[in-house]
Amino acid sequence: MEVLLVGSATSHSNRYIFSPKVLAWNHTTTRKIETRFFCSLSSKDKSSRTPIPSLNLKRCAHKTFLRSFWQLNGRFISQGGFFFLKPESLPQLRKFSIGLQKAIKCSERFNNLVPVFSLRIIVTMMLVMTLGAAVSRTPSWALSEENLLFLEAWRTLDRAYIDKTFNGQSWFRYRENALRSEPMNTREETYSAIRKMIATLDDPFTRFLEPAKFKSLRSGTQNTLTGVGLSIGYPAKNDKSTSGLMVISAAPGGPAYRAGISSGDLILAIDDTSTQNMGIYDAADRLQGSEGSGVELIVRHGDETRHLSLIRERVLLNPVKSRICKVPGMGEDAPLIGYIKLTSFNQNASGAVREAIETLRGNNVHAFVLDLRDNSGGLFPEGIEIAKIWLNKGVIVYICDSRGVRDIYDTDGSNAVAASEPLAVLVNKGTASASEILAGALKDNKRAVLFGEPTFGKGKIQSVFELSDGSGLAVTVARYETPGHTDIDKVGIFPDHPLPVTFPKDDESFCGCLQDPASACYLNKVNLFSK
């Protein structure tokens, strides 16, 4: 866009009146705005003209005169941002360009009448007053509240999104085109424009959250969630035989858990709506709802397909369960193993793990089993803090973007609580995200032995940003690599040893597999902690 500030002056009884006008057309970003000043002077009342002594306008004064307008232009643009200007004013350009030539010819007489310095002050004041009035009276020249909300979302993605090519598109050009062509007259239209913008990134984990959904997400990382207690994800892309959405984990004690849904099951439909082309966040919204309401699911487990009716309830997200297991064979002096089941990484997770360790230690426990099976992740900082509990020193995770490693999370041992006791970690295909960060850190630093099956393989990190109207964005901000520089995205972490097929998931049955050599799930203590 280009803004031309055009002035004209007329003489009435030898009185010169300066009247600035604003002409404009089209629009573009403030980076491309150029302001030019033209001043034309003419006298319609020829009979009133009187000779004015000639005085040449010095070149340095002329430059100083124009420089003030360039400085004013910079200040005005920095505050004005975008302008939407009227194309019908364009034909007047020819008339005012002719006026410019007249202005140069009469500059000698005008400079003798009004000193250049005084003219600068007068014109600058009138210019600011005129432009201020024009902008205030013409709403189409300024960005609307809806435009500003869209730009807030655009800037958030511009700063935070991991892929700085933005899926191979010109991100600035998209902004310009969207402001020009996308309807943003209502809040719903603005939300639609934001969703359309995010869709161009082709990233299922970056999404827009309306205010209610944003609030629900925040509550889900705290203590409670109303739903059926399922964490879901996409099936592996290389597995073309699967369709629908995959269950990562079922919250112990929740409605889905009690109905027998387990990790690896496929959800084919929710309330008679197929999940074949459904996004995971759309599915999550459908699974959640008011306490006591019902939801119908079609679930496939292996070759078996089941129709289930579940009642939503408030699922308590107590992240930690623990118990003491006594290994037989040595009487009262038998070694004790502390079992810790970590189900999620919410705001209480690191504190709850620390408390569980201290409690077990108080009961003479000197070895630990950390169960991360069916833990679909949660808050990234909590994963880092829990890793610090178990590590004396070392790298926890590398944060990477398209250019390589951009940050390193490590520990010096100052937050360690149990850095020396034998430690085994249990994982499965329901172990995802922050759980994989923790498992990878413990494995690559040779702090623990991993048992189970390959993990889910979610190697991307999302951050949540709140927008000014209470809505929010979940944005993929980075990918991570384990301390051994392994990118586990869509691959997962491979354990050191498998678990027996019949090995139980509940904490009550776990101890039995350590105590009864005749059990099909028996796991020898020596094998459990041998690296």
Protein backbone atom coordinates (compact mmCIF):
# COMPACT_ATOMS: atom_id res chain seq x y z
CA MET A 1 0.00 0.00 0.00
CA GLU A 2 1.09 3.54 -0.59
CA VAL A 3 -0.34 6.54 1.22
CA LEU A 4 0.00 9.92 -0.45
CA LEU A 5 -0.47 13.01 1.61
CA VAL A 6 -1.61 15.68 -0.81
CA GLY A 7 -1.96 19.33 0.13
CA SER A 8 -3.45 22.28 -1.68
CA ALA A 9 -3.52 25.94 -0.84
CA THR A 10 -5.73 28.74 -2.11
CA SER A 11 -5.36 32.45 -1.75
CA HIS A 12 -8.22 34.56 -0.51
CA SER A 13 -7.25 38.16 0.07
CA ASN A 14 -3.62 37.17 0.29
CA ARG A 15 -4.42 34.55 2.98
CA TYR A 16 -2.94 31.15 2.27
CA ILE A 17 -4.89 28.18 3.58
CA PHE A 18 -3.17 24.77 3.67
CA SER A 19 -5.60 21.85 3.38
CA PRO A 20 -4.07 18.35 3.52
CA LYS A 21 -6.01 15.42 2.07
CA VAL A 22 -5.38 11.68 2.17
CA LEU A 23 -5.52 9.58 -0.97
CA ALA A 24 -5.02 5.84 -0.82
CA TRP A 25 -5.61 2.56 -2.61
CA ASN A 26 -5.27 -1.17 -1.98
CA HIS A 27 -3.33 -2.40 1.04
CA THR A 28 -0.36 -4.49 2.06
CA THR A 29 1.79 -4.97 5.13
CA THR A 30 3.31 -2.06 6.98
CA ARG A 31 6.69 -3.16 5.67
CA LYS A 32 5.67 -1.98 2.23
CA ILE A 33 3.97 1.28 3.18
CA GLU A 34 5.55 4.35 1.67
CA THR A 35 4.44 7.87 2.44
CA ARG A 36 5.06 10.71 0.06
CA PHE A 37 4.20 14.33 0.49
CA PHE A 38 3.12 16.61 -2.30
CA CYS A 39 2.25 20.23 -1.79
CA SER A 40 0.53 22.24 -4.49
CA LEU A 41 -0.12 25.91 -4.27
CA SER A 42 -2.41 27.83 -6.55
CA SER A 43 -4.30 31.08 -6.49
CA LYS A 44 -7.78 31.28 -7.93
CA ASP A 45 -8.15 34.98 -7.11
CA LYS A 46 -5.72 36.39 -9.67
CA SER A 47 -6.77 39.98 -9.01
CA SER A 48 -5.51 39.78 -5.45
CA ARG A 49 -2.02 38.73 -6.37
CA THR A 50 0.78 41.04 -5.36
CA PRO A 51 4.42 40.69 -6.32
CA ILE A 52 6.50 38.85 -3.77
CA PRO A 53 10.25 39.32 -3.69
CA SER A 54 12.12 36.30 -5.00
CA LEU A 55 14.10 34.20 -2.53
CA ASN A 56 15.64 30.91 -3.57
CA LEU A 57 14.76 27.93 -1.37
CA LYS A 58 18.06 26.46 -0.24
CA ARG A 59 18.58 22.82 -1.00
CA CYS A 60 19.43 21.97 2.60
CA ALA A 61 16.22 23.61 3.83
CA HIS A 62 14.25 21.68 1.23
CA LYS A 63 15.74 18.41 2.46
CA THR A 64 15.06 19.34 6.06
CA PHE A 65 11.47 20.19 5.14
CA LEU A 66 10.87 16.78 3.57
CA ARG A 67 12.80 14.87 6.22
CA SER A 68 10.30 15.93 8.88
CA PHE A 69 7.54 14.23 6.90
CA TRP A 70 9.53 11.05 6.52
CA GLN A 71 10.07 10.99 10.30
CA LEU A 72 6.40 11.65 10.89
CA ASN A 73 5.59 8.92 8.42
CA GLY A 74 7.66 6.38 10.37
CA ARG A 75 5.93 7.25 13.62
CA PHE A 76 2.50 7.17 12.03
CA ILE A 77 3.06 3.79 10.38
CA SER A 78 4.34 2.23 13.60
CA GLN A 79 1.04 3.11 15.26
CA GLY A 80 -1.33 2.67 12.35
CA GLY A 81 -0.39 -0.83 11.24
CA PHE A 82 -2.70 -1.69 8.33
CA PHE A 83 -4.86 0.64 6.27
CA PHE A 84 -7.66 -0.16 3.86
CA LEU A 85 -7.84 2.60 1.31
CA LYS A 86 -10.29 3.80 -1.31
CA PRO A 87 -9.44 2.99 -4.95
CA GLU A 88 -11.84 5.61 -6.30
CA SER A 89 -9.37 8.34 -5.29
CA LEU A 90 -6.74 7.04 -7.72
CA PRO A 91 -7.75 9.27 -10.73
CA GLN A 92 -6.90 12.36 -8.69
CA LEU A 93 -3.21 11.46 -8.74
CA ARG A 94 -2.62 13.11 -12.12
CA LYS A 95 -4.16 16.37 -10.94
CA PHE A 96 -1.96 16.48 -7.85
CA SER A 97 1.21 15.51 -9.64
CA ILE A 98 0.67 18.62 -11.81
CA GLY A 99 0.17 20.55 -8.59
CA LEU A 100 3.59 19.34 -7.47
CA GLN A 101 5.23 21.03 -10.43
CA LYS A 102 3.42 24.28 -9.63
CA ALA A 103 4.55 23.99 -6.00
CA ILE A 104 8.19 23.87 -7.03
CA LYS A 105 7.81 26.95 -9.22
CA CYS A 106 6.18 29.04 -6.52
CA SER A 107 8.39 27.83 -3.67
CA GLU A 108 10.43 31.06 -3.75
CA ARG A 109 7.43 33.30 -3.10
CA PHE A 110 5.92 30.97 -0.52
CA ASN A 111 9.18 30.60 1.40
CA ASN A 112 9.47 34.40 1.66
CA LEU A 113 5.96 34.63 3.12
CA VAL A 114 6.15 31.70 5.55
CA PRO A 115 9.51 30.52 6.93
CA VAL A 116 10.28 26.89 6.22
CA PHE A 117 10.58 26.00 9.90
CA SER A 118 7.13 27.47 10.68
CA LEU A 119 5.65 25.68 7.72
CA ARG A 120 6.99 22.36 8.99
CA ILE A 121 5.30 22.84 12.35
CA ILE A 122 1.97 23.98 10.88
CA VAL A 123 1.75 21.25 8.26
CA THR A 124 2.81 18.50 10.68
CA MET A 125 0.11 19.48 13.20
CA MET A 126 -2.58 19.70 10.53
CA LEU A 127 -1.47 16.41 9.03
CA VAL A 128 -1.73 14.55 12.35
CA MET A 129 -5.14 16.07 13.09
CA THR A 130 -6.50 15.23 9.64
CA LEU A 131 -5.23 11.66 9.62
CA GLY A 132 -6.49 11.06 13.15
CA ALA A 133 -9.95 12.25 12.22
CA ALA A 134 -9.97 10.23 9.01
CA VAL A 135 -9.01 6.98 10.73
CA SER A 136 -11.48 7.46 13.60
CA ARG A 137 -14.34 8.19 11.21
CA THR A 138 -13.55 5.40 8.76
CA PRO A 139 -13.54 2.01 10.54
CA SER A 140 -12.59 0.19 7.33
CA TRP A 141 -9.14 1.75 7.54
CA ALA A 142 -8.30 0.04 10.82
CA LEU A 143 -8.16 -3.61 11.78
CA SER A 144 -11.31 -4.89 13.43
CA GLU A 145 -11.34 -6.79 16.71
CA GLU A 146 -11.81 -10.02 14.74
CA ASN A 147 -8.83 -9.21 12.51
CA LEU A 148 -6.69 -8.60 15.58
CA LEU A 149 -7.65 -11.97 17.08
CA PHE A 150 -6.72 -13.69 13.80
CA LEU A 151 -3.37 -11.84 13.75
CA GLU A 152 -2.74 -12.86 17.36
CA ALA A 153 -3.13 -16.52 16.36
CA TRP A 154 -0.96 -15.96 13.27
CA ARG A 155 1.82 -14.36 15.32
CA THR A 156 1.70 -17.19 17.88
CA LEU A 157 2.26 -19.75 15.15
CA ASP A 158 4.89 -17.54 13.50
CA ARG A 159 6.93 -17.43 16.71
CA ALA A 160 6.41 -20.93 18.06
CA TYR A 161 5.77 -23.44 15.27
CA ILE A 162 8.60 -25.90 14.69
CA ASP A 163 8.58 -25.85 10.88
CA LYS A 164 9.72 -22.42 9.77
CA THR A 165 8.82 -23.24 6.16
CA PHE A 166 5.22 -23.61 7.39
CA ASN A 167 4.66 -26.67 5.25
CA GLY A 168 6.33 -25.03 2.25
CA GLN A 169 4.24 -21.87 2.03
CA SER A 170 4.84 -18.15 2.37
CA TRP A 171 3.53 -17.48 5.85
CA PHE A 172 3.44 -13.68 5.41
CA ARG A 173 1.62 -13.96 2.11
CA TYR A 174 -0.94 -16.25 3.71
CA ARG A 175 -1.62 -13.59 6.33
CA GLU A 176 -2.14 -10.91 3.70
CA ASN A 177 -4.44 -13.10 1.61
CA ALA A 178 -6.47 -14.19 4.63
CA LEU A 179 -7.04 -10.62 5.82
CA ARG A 180 -8.10 -9.66 2.33
CA SER A 181 -10.35 -12.61 1.46
CA GLU A 182 -11.46 -14.50 4.59
CA PRO A 183 -14.71 -13.27 6.18
CA MET A 184 -14.12 -12.20 9.80
CA ASN A 185 -17.26 -10.35 10.73
CA THR A 186 -18.23 -12.61 13.63
CA ARG A 187 -16.29 -14.61 16.19
CA GLU A 188 -17.31 -17.89 14.57
CA GLU A 189 -16.03 -16.68 11.20
CA THR A 190 -12.74 -15.70 12.83
CA TYR A 191 -12.45 -19.12 14.48
CA SER A 192 -13.11 -20.72 11.11
CA ALA A 193 -10.36 -18.60 9.51
CA ILE A 194 -7.91 -19.66 12.25
CA ARG A 195 -8.77 -23.34 11.78
CA LYS A 196 -8.32 -22.98 8.01
CA MET A 197 -4.93 -21.38 8.58
CA ILE A 198 -3.82 -24.22 10.88
CA ALA A 199 -5.05 -26.84 8.41
CA THR A 200 -2.50 -25.60 5.86
CA LEU A 201 0.27 -26.84 8.19
CA ASP A 202 -0.92 -30.46 7.84
CA ASP A 203 -0.02 -31.20 11.48
CA PRO A 204 -2.61 -33.20 13.45
CA PHE A 205 -1.10 -32.14 16.77
CA THR A 206 -1.34 -28.39 16.14
CA ARG A 207 -4.93 -27.27 16.64
CA PHE A 208 -7.21 -24.45 17.68
CA LEU A 209 -9.16 -24.67 20.94
CA GLU A 210 -12.33 -22.70 21.52
CA PRO A 211 -12.63 -21.21 25.04
CA ALA A 212 -14.59 -24.16 26.47
CA LYS A 213 -12.19 -26.69 24.96
CA PHE A 214 -9.18 -24.74 26.14
CA LYS A 215 -10.56 -24.72 29.67
CA SER A 216 -11.23 -28.46 29.43
CA LEU A 217 -7.67 -29.12 28.27
CA ARG A 218 -6.26 -27.18 31.21
CA SER A 219 -8.43 -29.13 33.64
CA GLY A 220 -7.20 -32.36 32.05
CA THR A 221 -3.61 -31.50 32.99
CA GLN A 222 -4.63 -30.79 36.55
CA ASN A 223 -6.60 -33.25 38.65
CA THR A 224 -9.89 -34.35 37.07
CA LEU A 225 -11.53 -34.98 33.72
CA THR A 226 -15.13 -35.84 32.88
CA GLY A 227 -15.36 -38.56 30.25
CA VAL A 228 -14.71 -42.27 29.84
CA GLY A 229 -10.99 -42.24 30.72
CA LEU A 230 -9.39 -42.93 27.32
CA SER A 231 -6.20 -41.61 25.73
CA ILE A 232 -6.26 -42.03 21.96
CA GLY A 233 -3.92 -41.61 19.02
CA TYR A 234 -3.52 -42.37 15.34
CA PRO A 235 -2.60 -45.88 14.15
CA ALA A 236 0.85 -46.28 12.65
CA LYS A 237 0.89 -44.94 9.08
CA ASN A 238 2.75 -47.99 7.85
CA ASP A 239 -0.07 -50.25 9.08
CA LYS A 240 -2.60 -49.94 6.26
CA SER A 241 -4.74 -52.73 7.68
CA THR A 242 -5.99 -50.54 10.54
CA SER A 243 -8.62 -47.84 10.38
CA GLY A 244 -10.14 -45.69 13.07
CA LEU A 245 -8.38 -44.36 16.15
CA MET A 246 -6.09 -46.33 18.42
CA VAL A 247 -6.42 -46.53 22.18
CA ILE A 248 -3.15 -45.50 23.80
CA SER A 249 -4.32 -46.14 27.33
CA ALA A 250 -7.38 -46.48 29.54
CA ALA A 251 -7.32 -44.74 32.92
CA PRO A 252 -7.33 -47.37 35.67
CA GLY A 253 -10.75 -47.52 37.30
CA GLY A 254 -12.41 -45.41 34.61
CA PRO A 255 -15.48 -46.42 32.56
CA ALA A 256 -13.43 -47.58 29.55
CA TYR A 257 -11.06 -49.56 31.76
CA ARG A 258 -13.93 -51.34 33.50
CA ALA A 259 -15.46 -52.17 30.10
CA GLY A 260 -12.29 -54.02 29.14
CA ILE A 261 -10.88 -51.50 26.64
CA SER A 262 -7.09 -51.69 26.54
CA SER A 263 -4.14 -50.16 24.69
CA GLY A 264 -3.98 -51.18 21.06
CA ASP A 265 -7.75 -51.47 20.65
CA LEU A 266 -9.31 -49.54 17.76
CA ILE A 267 -12.28 -47.20 18.16
CA LEU A 268 -14.28 -47.54 14.95
CA ALA A 269 -17.20 -45.25 15.80
CA ILE A 270 -18.38 -42.82 18.47
CA ASP A 271 -22.14 -42.35 18.74
CA ASP A 272 -22.65 -43.89 15.28
CA THR A 273 -20.09 -41.52 13.70
CA SER A 274 -17.21 -43.30 11.99
CA THR A 275 -13.73 -42.41 13.20
CA GLN A 276 -12.06 -43.29 9.90
CA ASN A 277 -11.52 -39.63 8.96
CA MET A 278 -11.95 -38.17 12.45
CA GLY A 279 -9.19 -36.20 14.13
CA ILE A 280 -8.06 -37.27 17.57
CA TYR A 281 -9.12 -33.97 19.13
CA ASP A 282 -12.55 -34.12 17.55
CA ALA A 283 -12.82 -37.65 18.97
CA ALA A 284 -11.66 -36.47 22.39
CA ASP A 285 -14.38 -33.80 22.40
CA ARG A 286 -16.99 -36.45 21.57
CA LEU A 287 -15.77 -38.76 24.33
CA GLN A 288 -15.93 -36.03 26.95
CA GLY A 289 -19.18 -34.60 28.19
CA SER A 290 -21.32 -33.92 31.20
CA GLU A 291 -21.14 -36.31 34.10
CA GLY A 292 -23.81 -39.04 33.87
CA SER A 293 -24.34 -38.73 30.11
CA GLY A 294 -23.89 -41.73 27.84
CA VAL A 295 -21.74 -42.45 24.81
CA GLU A 296 -21.87 -45.37 22.36
CA LEU A 297 -18.62 -46.89 21.10
CA ILE A 298 -17.75 -49.53 18.52
CA VAL A 299 -14.40 -51.03 19.53
CA ARG A 300 -12.31 -53.68 17.84
CA HIS A 301 -9.98 -55.85 19.89
CA GLY A 302 -8.03 -58.16 17.61
CA ASP A 303 -10.65 -59.95 15.49
CA GLU A 304 -13.48 -59.14 17.91
CA THR A 305 -15.74 -56.11 17.43
CA ARG A 306 -17.83 -54.92 20.37
CA HIS A 307 -20.62 -52.37 20.79
CA LEU A 308 -20.26 -50.66 24.16
CA SER A 309 -22.45 -48.20 26.05
CA LEU A 310 -20.46 -46.18 28.56
CA ILE A 311 -21.53 -43.59 31.11
CA ARG A 312 -19.29 -40.55 31.46
CA GLU A 313 -18.01 -39.81 34.93
CA ARG A 314 -15.47 -37.68 36.67
CA VAL A 315 -12.19 -39.53 36.33
CA LEU A 316 -9.75 -38.77 39.13
CA LEU A 317 -6.28 -38.32 37.77
CA ASN A 318 -4.26 -39.36 40.79
CA PRO A 319 -1.00 -39.95 38.93
CA VAL A 320 0.76 -42.34 41.33
CA LYS A 321 0.05 -45.64 43.03
CA SER A 322 2.66 -47.52 45.01
CA ARG A 323 3.08 -50.70 47.02
CA ILE A 324 5.79 -52.87 48.60
CA CYS A 325 6.64 -56.31 47.21
CA LYS A 326 8.56 -58.81 49.33
CA VAL A 327 10.79 -61.21 47.43
CA PRO A 328 10.60 -64.75 48.99
CA GLY A 329 13.47 -66.97 50.03
CA MET A 330 15.16 -65.02 52.79
CA GLY A 331 12.61 -64.95 55.62
CA GLU A 332 12.16 -61.72 57.48
CA ASP A 333 15.29 -60.32 55.87
CA ALA A 334 13.91 -60.76 52.35
CA PRO A 335 14.65 -57.75 50.15
CA LEU A 336 11.80 -55.34 49.51
CA ILE A 337 10.97 -53.89 46.12
CA GLY A 338 9.03 -50.66 45.77
CA TYR A 339 6.52 -50.63 42.91
CA ILE A 340 5.45 -47.20 41.57
CA LYS A 341 2.71 -46.92 38.95
CA LEU A 342 2.78 -43.53 37.18
CA THR A 343 -0.37 -43.01 35.10
CA SER A 344 -0.03 -39.42 33.84
CA PHE A 345 2.16 -36.34 33.93
CA ASN A 346 -0.19 -33.77 35.43
CA GLN A 347 0.71 -30.92 37.75
CA ASN A 348 1.01 -33.24 40.73
CA ALA A 349 3.14 -35.95 39.11
CA SER A 350 6.69 -35.08 40.18
CA GLY A 351 5.67 -34.28 43.74
CA ALA A 352 3.66 -37.51 43.98
CA VAL A 353 6.59 -39.62 42.72
CA ARG A 354 8.95 -37.96 45.18
CA GLU A 355 6.53 -38.60 48.02
CA ALA A 356 6.08 -42.25 47.02
CA ILE A 357 9.84 -42.83 46.98
CA GLU A 358 10.26 -41.31 50.44
CA THR A 359 7.40 -43.41 51.83
CA LEU A 360 8.77 -46.64 50.36
CA ARG A 361 12.26 -45.81 51.59
CA GLY A 362 10.84 -45.38 55.06
CA ASN A 363 9.77 -49.04 54.83
CA ASN A 364 13.29 -50.27 54.00
CA VAL A 365 12.81 -50.48 50.24
CA HIS A 366 16.11 -50.49 48.37
CA ALA A 367 15.06 -51.21 44.78
CA PHE A 368 12.31 -49.76 42.58
CA VAL A 369 10.10 -50.66 39.64
CA LEU A 370 8.65 -47.69 37.75
CA ASP A 371 5.62 -48.70 35.67
CA LEU A 372 5.00 -46.37 32.69
CA ARG A 373 2.73 -48.72 30.78
CA ASP A 374 -0.34 -47.02 29.29
CA ASN A 375 0.94 -43.62 30.38
CA SER A 376 0.16 -41.40 27.40
CA GLY A 377 2.17 -38.43 28.70
CA GLY A 378 1.09 -34.97 29.78
CA LEU A 379 3.09 -31.97 30.90
CA PHE A 380 6.61 -31.87 29.48
CA PRO A 381 8.13 -30.06 32.52
CA GLU A 382 6.84 -32.79 34.82
CA GLY A 383 8.63 -35.41 32.74
CA ILE A 384 11.86 -33.46 33.12
CA GLU A 385 11.42 -33.09 36.88
CA ILE A 386 10.74 -36.80 37.38
CA ALA A 387 13.86 -37.68 35.36
CA LYS A 388 15.89 -35.47 37.71
CA ILE A 389 14.60 -37.50 40.67
CA TRP A 390 16.26 -40.66 39.32
CA LEU A 391 19.43 -39.25 37.72
CA ASN A 392 22.62 -38.16 39.42
CA LYS A 393 23.78 -36.27 36.34
CA GLY A 394 23.48 -36.32 32.57
CA VAL A 395 21.42 -35.16 29.61
CA ILE A 396 17.68 -35.78 29.87
CA VAL A 397 16.54 -34.74 26.39
CA TYR A 398 17.63 -32.72 23.37
CA ILE A 399 15.07 -30.28 21.97
CA CYS A 400 15.45 -29.95 18.20
CA ASP A 401 13.95 -27.97 15.37
CA SER A 402 14.48 -28.04 11.62
CA ARG A 403 18.03 -26.72 12.08
CA GLY A 404 19.12 -29.24 14.71
CA VAL A 405 19.55 -29.12 18.48
CA ARG A 406 18.31 -25.83 19.92
CA ASP A 407 18.15 -26.66 23.64
CA ILE A 408 19.42 -29.25 26.09
CA TYR A 409 17.74 -30.33 29.32
CA ASP A 410 20.13 -31.95 31.75
CA THR A 411 20.66 -32.38 35.46
CA ASP A 412 23.55 -31.95 37.86
CA GLY A 413 22.07 -34.23 40.51
CA SER A 414 20.92 -31.46 42.85
CA ASN A 415 17.30 -32.67 42.62
CA ALA A 416 18.09 -36.38 42.80
CA VAL A 417 16.17 -38.45 45.34
CA ALA A 418 16.84 -42.04 44.21
CA ALA A 419 19.89 -41.94 41.94
CA SER A 420 21.65 -45.11 43.09
CA GLU A 421 19.10 -47.82 43.93
CA PRO A 422 18.43 -50.55 41.34
CA LEU A 423 15.65 -49.45 38.95
CA ALA A 424 13.53 -51.23 36.36
CA VAL A 425 11.08 -49.45 34.04
CA LEU A 426 8.06 -51.11 32.43
CA VAL A 427 6.83 -49.78 29.06
CA ASN A 428 4.40 -50.78 26.33
CA LYS A 429 2.78 -49.34 23.19
CA GLY A 430 0.64 -47.13 25.43
CA THR A 431 3.77 -45.37 26.74
CA ALA A 432 3.89 -42.07 24.86
CA SER A 433 5.17 -38.50 24.80
CA ALA A 434 6.50 -37.37 28.20
CA SER A 435 6.65 -41.03 29.30
CA GLU A 436 8.98 -41.74 26.39
CA ILE A 437 11.17 -38.79 27.32
CA LEU A 438 11.53 -40.21 30.82
CA ALA A 439 12.09 -43.79 29.66
CA GLY A 440 14.63 -42.70 27.04
CA ALA A 441 16.58 -40.62 29.57
CA LEU A 442 16.78 -43.49 32.07
CA LYS A 443 17.77 -45.99 29.39
CA ASP A 444 20.41 -43.93 27.56
CA ASN A 445 22.02 -42.81 30.83
CA LYS A 446 22.19 -46.50 31.83
CA ARG A 447 20.24 -45.70 34.95
CA ALA A 448 17.50 -48.32 34.45
CA VAL A 449 16.64 -51.56 32.65
CA LEU A 450 13.57 -51.35 30.38
CA PHE A 451 11.07 -54.21 30.14
CA GLY A 452 8.07 -54.59 27.88
CA GLU A 453 7.41 -53.70 24.24
CA PRO A 454 8.27 -50.77 21.93
CA THR A 455 6.63 -47.52 22.99
CA PHE A 456 4.13 -45.46 21.00
CA GLY A 457 6.61 -43.14 19.24
CA LYS A 458 5.34 -39.59 19.75
CA GLY A 459 8.48 -37.54 19.38
CA LYS A 460 6.89 -34.10 19.02
CA ILE A 461 6.36 -31.54 21.75
CA GLN A 462 3.35 -29.24 21.92
CA SER A 463 2.95 -26.06 23.93
CA VAL A 464 -0.41 -24.49 24.75
CA PHE A 465 -0.93 -20.74 24.22
CA GLU A 466 -3.94 -18.78 25.45
CA LEU A 467 -5.37 -16.10 23.17
CA SER A 468 -6.90 -12.85 24.39
CA ASP A 469 -10.52 -14.04 24.16
CA GLY A 470 -9.97 -17.20 26.22
CA SER A 471 -9.47 -19.52 23.28
CA GLY A 472 -6.11 -21.17 22.72
CA LEU A 473 -3.66 -22.90 20.42
CA ALA A 474 -1.84 -26.17 20.94
CA VAL A 475 1.27 -25.78 18.79
CA THR A 476 3.99 -28.26 17.86
CA VAL A 477 7.04 -26.33 19.00
CA ALA A 478 9.81 -28.92 18.76
CA ARG A 479 10.80 -32.52 18.36
CA TYR A 480 13.03 -34.28 20.80
CA GLU A 481 15.89 -36.74 20.77
CA THR A 482 16.94 -39.01 23.61
CA PRO A 483 20.38 -38.52 25.24
CA GLY A 484 21.71 -41.02 22.69
CA HIS A 485 20.41 -38.75 19.87
CA THR A 486 17.65 -41.18 18.92
CA ASP A 487 14.65 -39.63 17.16
CA ILE A 488 11.81 -41.85 18.35
CA ASP A 489 8.98 -40.18 16.43
CA LYS A 490 6.75 -42.87 14.87
CA VAL A 491 9.34 -45.46 15.97
CA GLY A 492 9.28 -45.58 19.74
CA ILE A 493 11.80 -46.72 22.33
CA PHE A 494 12.81 -50.37 22.30
CA PRO A 495 13.10 -52.03 25.72
CA ASP A 496 16.06 -54.13 26.85
CA HIS A 497 13.93 -57.19 27.59
CA PRO A 498 10.36 -58.35 26.91
CA LEU A 499 7.87 -59.05 29.67
CA PRO A 500 6.03 -62.34 29.96
CA VAL A 501 2.85 -62.25 27.86
CA THR A 502 0.68 -62.75 30.93
CA PHE A 503 2.39 -60.07 32.99
CA PRO A 504 -0.38 -58.09 34.74
CA LYS A 505 -0.92 -54.35 34.54
CA ASP A 506 -2.49 -53.74 37.93
CA ASP A 507 -0.39 -53.05 40.99
CA GLU A 508 -2.11 -55.71 43.10
CA SER A 509 -1.08 -58.58 40.81
CA PHE A 510 2.43 -57.28 40.20
CA CYS A 511 3.89 -58.60 43.44
CA GLY A 512 2.61 -62.10 42.73
CA CYS A 513 4.75 -62.30 39.60
CA LEU A 514 7.86 -61.68 41.71
CA GLN A 515 6.94 -64.10 44.48
CA ASP A 516 5.69 -67.27 42.76
CA PRO A 517 8.27 -69.09 40.59
CA ALA A 518 5.49 -71.34 39.28
CA SER A 519 3.49 -68.40 37.92
CA ALA A 520 3.39 -67.88 34.15
CA CYS A 521 4.29 -64.23 34.74
CA TYR A 522 7.19 -64.96 37.11
CA LEU A 523 10.07 -62.51 36.87
CA ASN A 524 13.24 -63.24 38.77
CA LYS A 525 14.59 -60.38 40.87
CA VAL A 526 18.09 -60.86 39.49
CA ASN A 527 16.84 -60.66 35.91
CA LEU A 528 14.66 -57.68 36.77
CA PHE A 529 17.59 -55.42 37.59
CA SER A 530 20.40 -56.91 35.50
CA LYS A 531 21.65 -54.63 32.75
